[in-house]
Amino acid sequence: MKKSSVQTITAIVVLATGVALTYIDYFNPPSGEIAASVLDYLRHTMFFAGSVLGVKNYVDYRMSHKKEDC
């Protein structure tokens, strides 16, 4: 499996866990309130996924343009 595939899968799985945890916490008593720790976890998962996917896309973009220059 390629390194980029592992990065993409990891980012998607981590982001999905953050969204799932937030969704579950929203319906736990008291209903409609999300704990600060859950929001902090969601923030970290979004930051991780964004940085992994953003860096991957940037490197792919730069590498494709570098091949055209040669």
C-alpha atoms as a PDB file:
ATOM      1  CA  MET A   1       0.000   0.000   0.000  1.00  0.00           C
ATOM      2  CA  LYS A   2       1.350   3.398  -0.907  1.00  0.00           C
ATOM      3  CA  LYS A   3       2.275   5.903   1.766  1.00  0.00           C
ATOM      4  CA  SER A   4      -0.234   8.455   0.444  1.00  0.00           C
ATOM      5  CA  SER A   5      -3.054   5.902   0.649  1.00  0.00           C
ATOM      6  CA  VAL A   6      -2.230   5.167   4.269  1.00  0.00           C
ATOM      7  CA  GLN A   7      -2.176   8.890   5.056  1.00  0.00           C
ATOM      8  CA  THR A   8      -5.524   9.476   3.384  1.00  0.00           C
ATOM      9  CA  ILE A   9      -7.183   6.506   5.081  1.00  0.00           C
ATOM     10  CA  THR A  10      -5.784   7.520   8.474  1.00  0.00           C
ATOM     11  CA  ALA A  11      -6.996  11.095   8.068  1.00  0.00           C
ATOM     12  CA  ILE A  12     -10.488   9.959   7.065  1.00  0.00           C
ATOM     13  CA  VAL A  13     -10.750   7.445   9.918  1.00  0.00           C
ATOM     14  CA  VAL A  14      -9.579   9.959  12.526  1.00  0.00           C
ATOM     15  CA  LEU A  15     -11.993  12.581  11.207  1.00  0.00           C
ATOM     16  CA  ALA A  16     -14.842  10.063  11.224  1.00  0.00           C
ATOM     17  CA  THR A  17     -14.150   9.194  14.871  1.00  0.00           C
ATOM     18  CA  GLY A  18     -14.261  12.876  15.793  1.00  0.00           C
ATOM     19  CA  VAL A  19     -17.574  13.403  14.036  1.00  0.00           C
ATOM     20  CA  ALA A  20     -19.038  10.200  15.493  1.00  0.00           C
ATOM     21  CA  LEU A  21     -17.985  11.107  19.025  1.00  0.00           C
ATOM     22  CA  THR A  22     -19.514  14.573  18.665  1.00  0.00           C
ATOM     23  CA  TYR A  23     -22.738  13.095  17.299  1.00  0.00           C
ATOM     24  CA  ILE A  24     -22.950  10.586  20.171  1.00  0.00           C
ATOM     25  CA  ASP A  25     -22.229  13.222  22.800  1.00  0.00           C
ATOM     26  CA  TYR A  26     -24.921  15.519  21.386  1.00  0.00           C
ATOM     27  CA  PHE A  27     -27.636  12.981  22.221  1.00  0.00           C
ATOM     28  CA  ASN A  28     -26.290  11.973  25.649  1.00  0.00           C
ATOM     29  CA  PRO A  29     -27.892  13.591  28.683  1.00  0.00           C
ATOM     30  CA  PRO A  30     -28.121  16.546  28.969  1.00  0.00           C
ATOM     31  CA  SER A  31     -29.386  16.374  25.417  1.00  0.00           C
ATOM     32  CA  GLY A  32     -28.192  19.089  23.063  1.00  0.00           C
ATOM     33  CA  GLU A  33     -24.977  19.921  24.919  1.00  0.00           C
ATOM     34  CA  ILE A  34     -21.546  18.902  23.715  1.00  0.00           C
ATOM     35  CA  ALA A  35     -18.761  18.667  26.274  1.00  0.00           C
ATOM     36  CA  ALA A  36     -15.739  20.898  25.849  1.00  0.00           C
ATOM     37  CA  SER A  37     -13.415  17.896  25.754  1.00  0.00           C
ATOM     38  CA  VAL A  38     -15.361  16.403  22.842  1.00  0.00           C
ATOM     39  CA  LEU A  39     -15.178  19.681  20.941  1.00  0.00           C
ATOM     40  CA  ASP A  40     -11.463  19.812  21.667  1.00  0.00           C
ATOM     41  CA  TYR A  41     -11.058  16.281  20.276  1.00  0.00           C
ATOM     42  CA  LEU A  42     -13.049  17.249  17.177  1.00  0.00           C
ATOM     43  CA  ARG A  43     -10.834  20.300  16.748  1.00  0.00           C
ATOM     44  CA  HIS A  44      -7.712  18.143  16.910  1.00  0.00           C
ATOM     45  CA  THR A  45      -9.085  15.590  14.455  1.00  0.00           C
ATOM     46  CA  MET A  46     -10.050  18.315  11.992  1.00  0.00           C
ATOM     47  CA  PHE A  47      -6.629  19.921  12.323  1.00  0.00           C
ATOM     48  CA  PHE A  48      -4.886  16.560  11.809  1.00  0.00           C
ATOM     49  CA  ALA A  49      -6.984  15.589   8.796  1.00  0.00           C
ATOM     50  CA  GLY A  50      -6.645  19.028   7.241  1.00  0.00           C
ATOM     51  CA  SER A  51      -2.907  19.119   7.669  1.00  0.00           C
ATOM     52  CA  VAL A  52      -2.360  15.577   6.379  1.00  0.00           C
ATOM     53  CA  LEU A  53      -4.593  16.026   3.349  1.00  0.00           C
ATOM     54  CA  GLY A  54      -3.416  19.575   2.711  1.00  0.00           C
ATOM     55  CA  VAL A  55       0.266  18.682   2.816  1.00  0.00           C
ATOM     56  CA  LYS A  56      -0.358  15.607   0.662  1.00  0.00           C
ATOM     57  CA  ASN A  57      -2.215  17.672  -1.955  1.00  0.00           C
ATOM     58  CA  TYR A  58       0.458  20.381  -1.911  1.00  0.00           C
ATOM     59  CA  VAL A  59       3.273  17.890  -2.405  1.00  0.00           C
ATOM     60  CA  ASP A  60       1.360  16.126  -5.188  1.00  0.00           C
ATOM     61  CA  TYR A  61       0.718  19.478  -6.892  1.00  0.00           C
ATOM     62  CA  ARG A  62       4.357  20.558  -6.654  1.00  0.00           C
ATOM     63  CA  MET A  63       5.630  17.195  -7.871  1.00  0.00           C
ATOM     64  CA  SER A  64       3.332  17.199 -10.890  1.00  0.00           C
ATOM     65  CA  HIS A  65       4.441  20.708 -11.866  1.00  0.00           C
ATOM     66  CA  LYS A  66       8.098  19.821 -11.345  1.00  0.00           C
ATOM     67  CA  LYS A  67       7.778  16.941 -13.839  1.00  0.00           C
ATOM     68  CA  GLU A  68       6.341  19.335 -16.430  1.00  0.00           C
ATOM     69  CA  ASP A  69       9.290  21.722 -16.025  1.00  0.00           C
ATOM     70  CA  CYS A  70      11.895  19.044 -16.821  1.00  0.00           C
END
